[in-house]
PDB file of all heavy atoms in Angstrom:
ATOM      1  N   VAL A   1      -0.304   5.299  -7.470  1.00  0.00           N
ATOM      2  CA  VAL A   1       0.181   5.625  -8.810  1.00  0.00           C
ATOM      3  C   VAL A   1       0.432   4.367  -9.554  1.00  0.00           C
ATOM      4  O   VAL A   1       1.060   3.389  -9.116  1.00  0.00           O
ATOM      5  CB  VAL A   1       1.559   6.457  -8.749  1.00  0.00           C
ATOM      6  CG1 VAL A   1       2.193   6.511 -10.113  1.00  0.00           C
ATOM      7  CG2 VAL A   1       1.247   7.817  -8.196  1.00  0.00           C
ATOM      8  N   GLY A   2      -0.142   4.319 -10.842  1.00  0.00           N
ATOM      9  CA  GLY A   2       0.151   3.105 -11.631  1.00  0.00           C
ATOM     10  C   GLY A   2      -0.705   1.887 -11.260  1.00  0.00           C
ATOM     11  O   GLY A   2      -1.575   1.979 -10.445  1.00  0.00           O
ATOM     12  N   HIS A   3      -0.390   0.825 -11.947  1.00  0.00           N
ATOM     13  CA  HIS A   3      -0.992  -0.438 -11.657  1.00  0.00           C
ATOM     14  C   HIS A   3      -0.061  -1.463 -10.987  1.00  0.00           C
ATOM     15  O   HIS A   3       1.164  -1.217 -11.043  1.00  0.00           O
ATOM     16  CB  HIS A   3      -1.418  -1.087 -13.013  1.00  0.00           C
ATOM     17  CG  HIS A   3      -2.420  -0.201 -13.781  1.00  0.00           C
ATOM     18  ND1 HIS A   3      -3.718   0.003 -13.406  1.00  0.00           N
ATOM     19  CD2 HIS A   3      -2.232   0.558 -14.853  1.00  0.00           C
ATOM     20  CE1 HIS A   3      -4.288   0.813 -14.212  1.00  0.00           C
ATOM     21  NE2 HIS A   3      -3.393   1.189 -15.109  1.00  0.00           N
ATOM     22  N   LYS A   4      -0.571  -2.510 -10.411  1.00  0.00           N
ATOM     23  CA  LYS A   4       0.191  -3.462  -9.676  1.00  0.00           C
ATOM     24  C   LYS A   4       1.418  -3.930 -10.616  1.00  0.00           C
ATOM     25  O   LYS A   4       1.210  -4.148 -11.767  1.00  0.00           O
ATOM     26  CB  LYS A   4      -0.591  -4.680  -9.266  1.00  0.00           C
ATOM     27  CG  LYS A   4       0.121  -5.662  -8.442  1.00  0.00           C
ATOM     28  CD  LYS A   4      -0.852  -6.807  -8.021  1.00  0.00           C
ATOM     29  CE  LYS A   4      -0.189  -7.851  -7.140  1.00  0.00           C
ATOM     30  NZ  LYS A   4       0.988  -8.438  -7.689  1.00  0.00           N
ATOM     31  N   ASN A   5       2.559  -3.976  -9.997  1.00  0.00           N
ATOM     32  CA  ASN A   5       3.830  -4.386 -10.708  1.00  0.00           C
ATOM     33  C   ASN A   5       4.391  -3.384 -11.606  1.00  0.00           C
ATOM     34  O   ASN A   5       5.391  -3.668 -12.267  1.00  0.00           O
ATOM     35  CB  ASN A   5       3.703  -5.756 -11.397  1.00  0.00           C
ATOM     36  CG  ASN A   5       3.323  -6.841 -10.386  1.00  0.00           C
ATOM     37  OD1 ASN A   5       3.577  -6.783  -9.180  1.00  0.00           O
ATOM     38  ND2 ASN A   5       2.801  -7.968 -10.923  1.00  0.00           N
ATOM     39  N   ASN A   6       3.791  -2.228 -11.796  1.00  0.00           N
ATOM     40  CA  ASN A   6       4.367  -1.155 -12.590  1.00  0.00           C
ATOM     41  C   ASN A   6       5.739  -0.676 -11.889  1.00  0.00           C
ATOM     42  O   ASN A   6       5.820  -0.782 -10.650  1.00  0.00           O
ATOM     43  CB  ASN A   6       3.435   0.105 -12.741  1.00  0.00           C
ATOM     44  CG  ASN A   6       2.477  -0.087 -13.845  1.00  0.00           C
ATOM     45  OD1 ASN A   6       2.401  -1.163 -14.532  1.00  0.00           O
ATOM     46  ND2 ASN A   6       1.754   0.996 -14.114  1.00  0.00           N
ATOM     47  N   MET A   7       6.626  -0.102 -12.652  1.00  0.00           N
ATOM     48  CA  MET A   7       7.917   0.234 -12.157  1.00  0.00           C
ATOM     49  C   MET A   7       8.141   1.757 -12.370  1.00  0.00           C
ATOM     50  O   MET A   7       7.747   2.263 -13.450  1.00  0.00           O
ATOM     51  CB  MET A   7       9.022  -0.475 -12.895  1.00  0.00           C
ATOM     52  CG  MET A   7       8.950  -1.911 -12.876  1.00  0.00           C
ATOM     53  SD  MET A   7       9.523  -2.538 -11.349  1.00  0.00           S
ATOM     54  CE  MET A   7       9.429  -4.301 -11.684  1.00  0.00           C
ATOM     55  N   GLY A   8       8.758   2.417 -11.422  1.00  0.00           N
ATOM     56  CA  GLY A   8       9.252   3.752 -11.636  1.00  0.00           C
ATOM     57  C   GLY A   8      10.739   3.785 -11.246  1.00  0.00           C
ATOM     58  O   GLY A   8      11.074   3.285 -10.205  1.00  0.00           O
ATOM     59  N   ARG A   9      11.571   4.363 -12.101  1.00  0.00           N
ATOM     60  CA  ARG A   9      12.973   4.364 -11.817  1.00  0.00           C
ATOM     61  C   ARG A   9      13.554   5.711 -11.835  1.00  0.00           C
ATOM     62  O   ARG A   9      13.265   6.589 -12.744  1.00  0.00           O
ATOM     63  CB  ARG A   9      13.717   3.517 -12.878  1.00  0.00           C
ATOM     64  CG  ARG A   9      13.567   2.059 -12.706  1.00  0.00           C
ATOM     65  CD  ARG A   9      14.319   1.175 -13.683  1.00  0.00           C
ATOM     66  NE  ARG A   9      13.742   1.179 -14.984  1.00  0.00           N
ATOM     67  CZ  ARG A   9      12.745   0.317 -15.324  1.00  0.00           C
ATOM     68  NH1 ARG A   9      12.333  -0.642 -14.490  1.00  0.00           N
ATOM     69  NH2 ARG A   9      12.255   0.393 -16.475  1.00  0.00           N
ATOM     70  N   LEU A  10      14.380   5.999 -10.811  1.00  0.00           N
ATOM     71  CA  LEU A  10      15.079   7.262 -10.668  1.00  0.00           C
ATOM     72  C   LEU A  10      16.554   7.017 -10.616  1.00  0.00           C
ATOM     73  O   LEU A  10      17.022   6.193  -9.849  1.00  0.00           O
ATOM     74  CB  LEU A  10      14.641   7.934  -9.314  1.00  0.00           C
ATOM     75  CG  LEU A  10      15.061   9.375  -9.053  1.00  0.00           C
ATOM     76  CD1 LEU A  10      14.483  10.273 -10.108  1.00  0.00           C
ATOM     77  CD2 LEU A  10      14.566   9.778  -7.620  1.00  0.00           C
ATOM     78  N   LYS A  11      17.357   7.647 -11.531  1.00  0.00           N
ATOM     79  CA  LYS A  11      18.708   7.249 -11.738  1.00  0.00           C
ATOM     80  C   LYS A  11      19.555   8.381 -11.258  1.00  0.00           C
ATOM     81  O   LYS A  11      19.402   9.533 -11.574  1.00  0.00           O
ATOM     82  CB  LYS A  11      18.915   6.996 -13.283  1.00  0.00           C
ATOM     83  CG  LYS A  11      20.223   6.323 -13.521  1.00  0.00           C
ATOM     84  CD  LYS A  11      20.290   5.960 -15.095  1.00  0.00           C
ATOM     85  CE  LYS A  11      19.492   4.732 -15.294  1.00  0.00           C
ATOM     86  NZ  LYS A  11      19.740   4.210 -16.704  1.00  0.00           N
ATOM     87  N   LEU A  12      20.580   7.995 -10.493  1.00  0.00           N
ATOM     88  CA  LEU A  12      21.647   8.881 -10.021  1.00  0.00           C
ATOM     89  C   LEU A  12      22.890   8.700 -10.922  1.00  0.00           C
ATOM     90  O   LEU A  12      23.452   7.610 -10.968  1.00  0.00           O
ATOM     91  CB  LEU A  12      22.038   8.620  -8.526  1.00  0.00           C
ATOM     92  CG  LEU A  12      23.245   9.309  -7.977  1.00  0.00           C
ATOM     93  CD1 LEU A  12      23.141  10.819  -8.071  1.00  0.00           C
ATOM     94  CD2 LEU A  12      23.444   8.875  -6.570  1.00  0.00           C
ATOM     95  N   LEU A  13      23.260   9.703 -11.721  1.00  0.00           N
ATOM     96  CA  LEU A  13      24.359   9.563 -12.630  1.00  0.00           C
ATOM     97  C   LEU A  13      25.618   9.940 -11.872  1.00  0.00           C
ATOM     98  O   LEU A  13      25.764  11.030 -11.290  1.00  0.00           O
ATOM     99  CB  LEU A  13      24.222  10.503 -13.776  1.00  0.00           C
ATOM    100  CG  LEU A  13      22.938  10.260 -14.594  1.00  0.00           C
ATOM    101  CD1 LEU A  13      22.804  11.222 -15.761  1.00  0.00           C
ATOM    102  CD2 LEU A  13      22.852   8.867 -15.127  1.00  0.00           C
ATOM    103  N   LEU A  14      26.632   9.041 -11.927  1.00  0.00           N
ATOM    104  CA  LEU A  14      27.898   9.203 -11.171  1.00  0.00           C
ATOM    105  C   LEU A  14      29.004   9.352 -12.256  1.00  0.00           C
ATOM    106  O   LEU A  14      29.387   8.422 -12.807  1.00  0.00           O
ATOM    107  CB  LEU A  14      28.164   8.080 -10.308  1.00  0.00           C
ATOM    108  CG  LEU A  14      27.135   7.700  -9.226  1.00  0.00           C
ATOM    109  CD1 LEU A  14      27.349   6.345  -8.652  1.00  0.00           C
ATOM    110  CD2 LEU A  14      27.020   8.763  -8.233  1.00  0.00           C
ATOM    111  N   THR A  15      29.408  10.594 -12.437  1.00  0.00           N
ATOM    112  CA  THR A  15      30.371  10.793 -13.545  1.00  0.00           C
ATOM    113  C   THR A  15      31.871  10.872 -13.038  1.00  0.00           C
ATOM    114  O   THR A  15      32.749  10.722 -13.779  1.00  0.00           O
ATOM    115  CB  THR A  15      30.025  12.118 -14.305  1.00  0.00           C
ATOM    116  OG1 THR A  15      29.709  13.109 -13.412  1.00  0.00           O
ATOM    117  CG2 THR A  15      28.794  11.868 -15.200  1.00  0.00           C
ATOM    118  N   ASP A  16      32.019  11.195 -11.745  1.00  0.00           N
ATOM    119  CA  ASP A  16      33.412  11.492 -11.320  1.00  0.00           C
ATOM    120  C   ASP A  16      33.951  10.410 -10.411  1.00  0.00           C
ATOM    121  O   ASP A  16      34.933  10.704  -9.651  1.00  0.00           O
ATOM    122  CB  ASP A  16      33.378  12.835 -10.651  1.00  0.00           C
ATOM    123  CG  ASP A  16      33.006  13.969 -11.531  1.00  0.00           C
ATOM    124  OD1 ASP A  16      33.250  13.818 -12.767  1.00  0.00           O
ATOM    125  OD2 ASP A  16      32.371  14.911 -11.144  1.00  0.00           O
ATOM    126  N   LEU A  17      33.435   9.217 -10.345  1.00  0.00           N
ATOM    127  CA  LEU A  17      33.978   8.166  -9.439  1.00  0.00           C
ATOM    128  C   LEU A  17      35.303   7.699 -10.007  1.00  0.00           C
ATOM    129  O   LEU A  17      35.441   7.406 -11.198  1.00  0.00           O
ATOM    130  CB  LEU A  17      32.997   7.035  -9.323  1.00  0.00           C
ATOM    131  CG  LEU A  17      31.730   7.310  -8.508  1.00  0.00           C
ATOM    132  CD1 LEU A  17      31.064   5.967  -8.181  1.00  0.00           C
ATOM    133  CD2 LEU A  17      31.995   8.110  -7.275  1.00  0.00           C
ATOM    134  N   LYS A  18      36.265   7.581  -9.080  1.00  0.00           N
ATOM    135  CA  LYS A  18      37.567   7.112  -9.494  1.00  0.00           C
ATOM    136  C   LYS A  18      37.543   5.595  -9.597  1.00  0.00           C
ATOM    137  O   LYS A  18      37.059   4.904  -8.784  1.00  0.00           O
ATOM    138  CB  LYS A  18      38.650   7.541  -8.526  1.00  0.00           C
ATOM    139  CG  LYS A  18      38.864   8.978  -8.392  1.00  0.00           C
ATOM    140  CD  LYS A  18      39.967   9.287  -7.432  1.00  0.00           C
ATOM    141  CE  LYS A  18      40.084  10.753  -7.170  1.00  0.00           C
ATOM    142  NZ  LYS A  18      39.050  11.334  -6.401  1.00  0.00           N
ATOM    143  N   PRO A  19      38.128   5.034 -10.697  1.00  0.00           N
ATOM    144  CA  PRO A  19      38.196   3.569 -10.874  1.00  0.00           C
ATOM    145  C   PRO A  19      39.065   2.987  -9.718  1.00  0.00           C
ATOM    146  O   PRO A  19      39.951   3.667  -9.129  1.00  0.00           O
ATOM    147  CB  PRO A  19      38.856   3.369 -12.193  1.00  0.00           C
ATOM    148  CG  PRO A  19      39.046   4.651 -12.855  1.00  0.00           C
ATOM    149  CD  PRO A  19      38.747   5.683 -11.849  1.00  0.00           C
ATOM    150  N   LYS A  20      38.878   1.695  -9.412  1.00  0.00           N
ATOM    151  CA  LYS A  20      39.658   0.991  -8.425  1.00  0.00           C
ATOM    152  C   LYS A  20      39.681   1.614  -7.058  1.00  0.00           C
ATOM    153  O   LYS A  20      40.648   1.631  -6.349  1.00  0.00           O
ATOM    154  CB  LYS A  20      41.095   0.831  -8.898  1.00  0.00           C
ATOM    155  CG  LYS A  20      41.230  -0.052 -10.170  1.00  0.00           C
ATOM    156  CD  LYS A  20      42.684  -0.336 -10.502  1.00  0.00           C
ATOM    157  CE  LYS A  20      42.814  -1.417 -11.556  1.00  0.00           C
ATOM    158  NZ  LYS A  20      42.098  -1.125 -12.814  1.00  0.00           N
ATOM    159  N   SER A  21      38.553   2.179  -6.614  1.00  0.00           N
ATOM    160  CA  SER A  21      38.398   2.629  -5.339  1.00  0.00           C
ATOM    161  C   SER A  21      36.979   2.260  -4.834  1.00  0.00           C
ATOM    162  O   SER A  21      36.161   1.766  -5.636  1.00  0.00           O
ATOM    163  CB  SER A  21      38.655   4.193  -5.197  1.00  0.00           C
ATOM    164  OG  SER A  21      37.891   4.846  -6.201  1.00  0.00           O
ATOM    165  N   SER A  22      36.742   2.384  -3.554  1.00  0.00           N
ATOM    166  CA  SER A  22      35.430   1.915  -3.018  1.00  0.00           C
ATOM    167  C   SER A  22      34.746   3.132  -2.463  1.00  0.00           C
ATOM    168  O   SER A  22      35.277   4.138  -1.942  1.00  0.00           O
ATOM    169  CB  SER A  22      35.607   0.820  -2.004  1.00  0.00           C
ATOM    170  OG  SER A  22      36.533   1.241  -1.020  1.00  0.00           O
ATOM    171  N   TYR A  23      33.375   3.093  -2.541  1.00  0.00           N
ATOM    172  CA  TYR A  23      32.524   4.126  -2.021  1.00  0.00           C
ATOM    173  C   TYR A  23      31.346   3.528  -1.160  1.00  0.00           C
ATOM    174  O   TYR A  23      31.044   2.319  -1.421  1.00  0.00           O
ATOM    175  CB  TYR A  23      31.901   4.985  -3.149  1.00  0.00           C
ATOM    176  CG  TYR A  23      32.966   5.689  -3.953  1.00  0.00           C
ATOM    177  CD1 TYR A  23      33.573   5.056  -5.083  1.00  0.00           C
ATOM    178  CD2 TYR A  23      33.262   6.951  -3.609  1.00  0.00           C
ATOM    179  CE1 TYR A  23      34.544   5.775  -5.799  1.00  0.00           C
ATOM    180  CE2 TYR A  23      34.246   7.671  -4.398  1.00  0.00           C
ATOM    181  CZ  TYR A  23      34.833   7.051  -5.390  1.00  0.00           C
ATOM    182  OH  TYR A  23      35.825   7.695  -6.125  1.00  0.00           O
ATOM    183  N   CYS A  24      30.740   4.272  -0.440  1.00  0.00           N
ATOM    184  CA  CYS A  24      29.520   3.916   0.311  1.00  0.00           C
ATOM    185  C   CYS A  24      28.424   4.839  -0.009  1.00  0.00           C
ATOM    186  O   CYS A  24      28.563   6.119   0.106  1.00  0.00           O
ATOM    187  CB  CYS A  24      29.842   3.957   1.802  1.00  0.00           C
ATOM    188  SG  CYS A  24      28.408   3.534   2.775  1.00  0.00           S
ATOM    189  N   LEU A  25      27.309   4.243  -0.500  1.00  0.00           N
ATOM    190  CA  LEU A  25      26.149   5.012  -0.795  1.00  0.00           C
ATOM    191  C   LEU A  25      25.211   4.867   0.436  1.00  0.00           C
ATOM    192  O   LEU A  25      24.847   3.728   0.821  1.00  0.00           O
ATOM    193  CB  LEU A  25      25.431   4.501  -2.003  1.00  0.00           C
ATOM    194  CG  LEU A  25      24.172   5.166  -2.445  1.00  0.00           C
ATOM    195  CD1 LEU A  25      24.530   6.506  -3.086  1.00  0.00           C
ATOM    196  CD2 LEU A  25      23.371   4.367  -3.357  1.00  0.00           C
ATOM    197  N   ILE A  26      24.790   5.977   1.070  1.00  0.00           N
ATOM    198  CA  ILE A  26      23.956   5.982   2.261  1.00  0.00           C
ATOM    199  C   ILE A  26      22.701   6.725   1.884  1.00  0.00           C
ATOM    200  O   ILE A  26      22.823   7.809   1.310  1.00  0.00           O
ATOM    201  CB  ILE A  26      24.639   6.588   3.478  1.00  0.00           C
ATOM    202  CG1 ILE A  26      25.964   5.840   3.812  1.00  0.00           C
ATOM    203  CG2 ILE A  26      23.759   6.576   4.677  1.00  0.00           C
ATOM    204  CD1 ILE A  26      26.812   6.453   4.899  1.00  0.00           C
ATOM    205  N   PHE A  27      21.550   6.174   2.213  1.00  0.00           N
ATOM    206  CA  PHE A  27      20.336   6.916   1.895  1.00  0.00           C
ATOM    207  C   PHE A  27      19.283   6.651   2.926  1.00  0.00           C
ATOM    208  O   PHE A  27      19.297   5.535   3.623  1.00  0.00           O
ATOM    209  CB  PHE A  27      19.840   6.542   0.502  1.00  0.00           C
ATOM    210  CG  PHE A  27      19.651   5.017   0.313  1.00  0.00           C
ATOM    211  CD1 PHE A  27      18.401   4.432   0.510  1.00  0.00           C
ATOM    212  CD2 PHE A  27      20.676   4.251  -0.035  1.00  0.00           C
ATOM    213  CE1 PHE A  27      18.214   3.073   0.338  1.00  0.00           C
ATOM    214  CE2 PHE A  27      20.485   2.843  -0.114  1.00  0.00           C
ATOM    215  CZ  PHE A  27      19.249   2.265   0.012  1.00  0.00           C
ATOM    216  N   SER A  28      18.287   7.428   3.036  1.00  0.00           N
ATOM    217  CA  SER A  28      17.131   7.268   3.921  1.00  0.00           C
ATOM    218  C   SER A  28      16.014   6.745   3.055  1.00  0.00           C
ATOM    219  O   SER A  28      15.869   7.177   1.880  1.00  0.00           O
ATOM    220  CB  SER A  28      16.694   8.601   4.522  1.00  0.00           C
ATOM    221  OG  SER A  28      17.677   9.116   5.362  1.00  0.00           O
ATOM    222  N   TYR A  29      15.173   5.801   3.518  1.00  0.00           N
ATOM    223  CA  TYR A  29      14.154   5.347   2.752  1.00  0.00           C
ATOM    224  C   TYR A  29      12.946   5.010   3.717  1.00  0.00           C
ATOM    225  O   TYR A  29      13.090   4.887   4.892  1.00  0.00           O
ATOM    226  CB  TYR A  29      14.479   4.022   1.968  1.00  0.00           C
ATOM    227  CG  TYR A  29      14.762   2.857   2.879  1.00  0.00           C
ATOM    228  CD1 TYR A  29      13.638   1.968   3.113  1.00  0.00           C
ATOM    229  CD2 TYR A  29      15.998   2.642   3.542  1.00  0.00           C
ATOM    230  CE1 TYR A  29      13.943   0.876   3.963  1.00  0.00           C
ATOM    231  CE2 TYR A  29      16.194   1.580   4.269  1.00  0.00           C
ATOM    232  CZ  TYR A  29      15.182   0.670   4.535  1.00  0.00           C
ATOM    233  OH  TYR A  29      15.390  -0.398   5.349  1.00  0.00           O
ATOM    234  N   ARG A  30      11.737   4.948   3.069  1.00  0.00           N
ATOM    235  CA  ARG A  30      10.580   4.660   3.878  1.00  0.00           C
ATOM    236  C   ARG A  30       9.613   3.925   2.928  1.00  0.00           C
ATOM    237  O   ARG A  30       9.361   4.374   1.859  1.00  0.00           O
ATOM    238  CB  ARG A  30       9.989   5.959   4.349  1.00  0.00           C
ATOM    239  CG  ARG A  30       8.615   5.846   4.946  1.00  0.00           C
ATOM    240  CD  ARG A  30       8.262   7.144   5.649  1.00  0.00           C
ATOM    241  NE  ARG A  30       7.602   8.074   4.781  1.00  0.00           N
ATOM    242  CZ  ARG A  30       6.890   9.107   5.212  1.00  0.00           C
ATOM    243  NH1 ARG A  30       6.781   9.388   6.464  1.00  0.00           N
ATOM    244  NH2 ARG A  30       6.329   9.900   4.348  1.00  0.00           N
ATOM    245  N   LEU A  31       9.054   2.827   3.431  1.00  0.00           N
ATOM    246  CA  LEU A  31       7.950   2.090   2.746  1.00  0.00           C
ATOM    247  C   LEU A  31       6.782   2.201   3.739  1.00  0.00           C
ATOM    248  O   LEU A  31       6.755   1.498   4.713  1.00  0.00           O
ATOM    249  CB  LEU A  31       8.269   0.663   2.474  1.00  0.00           C
ATOM    250  CG  LEU A  31       9.381   0.480   1.383  1.00  0.00           C
ATOM    251  CD1 LEU A  31      10.677   0.176   1.891  1.00  0.00           C
ATOM    252  CD2 LEU A  31       8.872  -0.548   0.379  1.00  0.00           C
ATOM    253  N   ALA A  32       5.859   3.058   3.470  1.00  0.00           N
ATOM    254  CA  ALA A  32       4.766   3.394   4.385  1.00  0.00           C
ATOM    255  C   ALA A  32       3.441   2.832   3.720  1.00  0.00           C
ATOM    256  O   ALA A  32       3.198   3.194   2.602  1.00  0.00           O
ATOM    257  CB  ALA A  32       4.684   4.889   4.719  1.00  0.00           C
ATOM    258  N   GLY A  33       2.724   2.115   4.493  1.00  0.00           N
ATOM    259  CA  GLY A  33       1.413   1.638   4.018  1.00  0.00           C
ATOM    260  C   GLY A  33       1.431   0.126   3.768  1.00  0.00           C
ATOM    261  O   GLY A  33       2.435  -0.493   3.519  1.00  0.00           O
ATOM    262  N   GLU A  34       0.281  -0.451   3.870  1.00  0.00           N
ATOM    263  CA  GLU A  34       0.000  -1.855   3.592  1.00  0.00           C
ATOM    264  C   GLU A  34       0.251  -2.241   2.167  1.00  0.00           C
ATOM    265  O   GLU A  34      -0.279  -1.614   1.277  1.00  0.00           O
ATOM    266  CB  GLU A  34      -1.432  -2.173   4.047  1.00  0.00           C
ATOM    267  CG  GLU A  34      -1.804  -3.606   4.104  1.00  0.00           C
ATOM    268  CD  GLU A  34      -1.174  -4.328   5.389  1.00  0.00           C
ATOM    269  OE1 GLU A  34      -0.889  -3.595   6.356  1.00  0.00           O
ATOM    270  OE2 GLU A  34      -1.026  -5.522   5.258  1.00  0.00           O
ATOM    271  N   LYS A  35       1.059  -3.232   1.890  1.00  0.00           N
ATOM    272  CA  LYS A  35       1.336  -3.828   0.567  1.00  0.00           C
ATOM    273  C   LYS A  35       1.686  -2.658  -0.442  1.00  0.00           C
ATOM    274  O   LYS A  35       1.235  -2.643  -1.599  1.00  0.00           O
ATOM    275  CB  LYS A  35       0.060  -4.538  -0.010  1.00  0.00           C
ATOM    276  CG  LYS A  35      -0.260  -5.712   0.839  1.00  0.00           C
ATOM    277  CD  LYS A  35      -1.313  -6.541   0.140  1.00  0.00           C
ATOM    278  CE  LYS A  35      -1.665  -7.863   0.913  1.00  0.00           C
ATOM    279  NZ  LYS A  35      -2.816  -7.845   1.675  1.00  0.00           N
ATOM    280  N   VAL A  36       2.573  -1.756   0.032  1.00  0.00           N
ATOM    281  CA  VAL A  36       2.938  -0.541  -0.764  1.00  0.00           C
ATOM    282  C   VAL A  36       3.756  -0.959  -1.988  1.00  0.00           C
ATOM    283  O   VAL A  36       3.714  -0.299  -3.030  1.00  0.00           O
ATOM    284  CB  VAL A  36       3.565   0.560   0.121  1.00  0.00           C
ATOM    285  CG1 VAL A  36       4.921   0.176   0.454  1.00  0.00           C
ATOM    286  CG2 VAL A  36       3.483   1.868  -0.653  1.00  0.00           C
ATOM    287  N   GLY A  37       4.543  -2.001  -1.916  1.00  0.00           N
ATOM    288  CA  GLY A  37       5.398  -2.359  -3.041  1.00  0.00           C
ATOM    289  C   GLY A  37       6.795  -2.668  -2.597  1.00  0.00           C
ATOM    290  O   GLY A  37       7.074  -2.999  -1.438  1.00  0.00           O
ATOM    291  N   LYS A  38       7.738  -2.515  -3.608  1.00  0.00           N
ATOM    292  CA  LYS A  38       9.113  -2.812  -3.320  1.00  0.00           C
ATOM    293  C   LYS A  38       9.997  -1.640  -3.721  1.00  0.00           C
ATOM    294  O   LYS A  38       9.729  -0.906  -4.623  1.00  0.00           O
ATOM    295  CB  LYS A  38       9.557  -4.019  -4.168  1.00  0.00           C
ATOM    296  CG  LYS A  38       8.958  -5.324  -3.720  1.00  0.00           C
ATOM    297  CD  LYS A  38       9.507  -6.440  -4.512  1.00  0.00           C
ATOM    298  CE  LYS A  38       8.913  -7.762  -4.000  1.00  0.00           C
ATOM    299  NZ  LYS A  38       8.778  -8.752  -5.042  1.00  0.00           N
ATOM    300  N   LEU A  39      11.083  -1.486  -2.960  1.00  0.00           N
ATOM    301  CA  LEU A  39      12.094  -0.515  -3.386  1.00  0.00           C
ATOM    302  C   LEU A  39      13.403  -1.342  -3.636  1.00  0.00           C
ATOM    303  O   LEU A  39      13.829  -2.081  -2.750  1.00  0.00           O
ATOM    304  CB  LEU A  39      12.319   0.451  -2.243  1.00  0.00           C
ATOM    305  CG  LEU A  39      13.431   1.549  -2.485  1.00  0.00           C
ATOM    306  CD1 LEU A  39      13.183   2.356  -3.652  1.00  0.00           C
ATOM    307  CD2 LEU A  39      13.653   2.396  -1.192  1.00  0.00           C
ATOM    308  N   ARG A  40      13.949  -1.151  -4.809  1.00  0.00           N
ATOM    309  CA  ARG A  40      15.245  -1.842  -5.071  1.00  0.00           C
ATOM    310  C   ARG A  40      16.301  -0.845  -5.547  1.00  0.00           C
ATOM    311  O   ARG A  40      15.943   0.265  -6.110  1.00  0.00           O
ATOM    312  CB  ARG A  40      15.012  -2.810  -6.313  1.00  0.00           C
ATOM    313  CG  ARG A  40      14.016  -3.912  -6.024  1.00  0.00           C
ATOM    314  CD  ARG A  40      14.054  -4.845  -7.243  1.00  0.00           C
ATOM    315  NE  ARG A  40      12.953  -5.736  -7.095  1.00  0.00           N
ATOM    316  CZ  ARG A  40      11.767  -5.560  -7.731  1.00  0.00           C
ATOM    317  NH1 ARG A  40      11.481  -4.475  -8.505  1.00  0.00           N
ATOM    318  NH2 ARG A  40      10.825  -6.491  -7.512  1.00  0.00           N
ATOM    319  N   VAL A  41      17.597  -1.212  -5.361  1.00  0.00           N
ATOM    320  CA  VAL A  41      18.640  -0.367  -5.902  1.00  0.00           C
ATOM    321  C   VAL A  41      19.553  -1.262  -6.741  1.00  0.00           C
ATOM    322  O   VAL A  41      19.875  -2.357  -6.453  1.00  0.00           O
ATOM    323  CB  VAL A  41      19.458   0.131  -4.779  1.00  0.00           C
ATOM    324  CG1 VAL A  41      20.651   1.016  -5.251  1.00  0.00           C
ATOM    325  CG2 VAL A  41      18.616   0.968  -3.759  1.00  0.00           C
ATOM    326  N   PHE A  42      19.777  -0.721  -7.960  1.00  0.00           N
ATOM    327  CA  PHE A  42      20.622  -1.363  -8.984  1.00  0.00           C
ATOM    328  C   PHE A  42      21.861  -0.548  -9.219  1.00  0.00           C
ATOM    329  O   PHE A  42      21.826   0.659  -9.252  1.00  0.00           O
ATOM    330  CB  PHE A  42      19.917  -1.508 -10.319  1.00  0.00           C
ATOM    331  CG  PHE A  42      18.761  -2.417 -10.256  1.00  0.00           C
ATOM    332  CD1 PHE A  42      17.461  -1.960  -9.877  1.00  0.00           C
ATOM    333  CD2 PHE A  42      18.869  -3.821 -10.600  1.00  0.00           C
ATOM    334  CE1 PHE A  42      16.415  -2.857  -9.859  1.00  0.00           C
ATOM    335  CE2 PHE A  42      17.790  -4.646 -10.619  1.00  0.00           C
ATOM    336  CZ  PHE A  42      16.570  -4.235 -10.241  1.00  0.00           C
TER     337      PHE A  42
END
């Protein structure tokens, strides 16, 4: 899908997080294939 260095972003909206507390985000991921690209989390 797309051309080299193209980006696709999927956003998780967090509306109910309490300020001044900590959370852990746990997820499964897979990068399958030769030179498939990068996965980043912001």
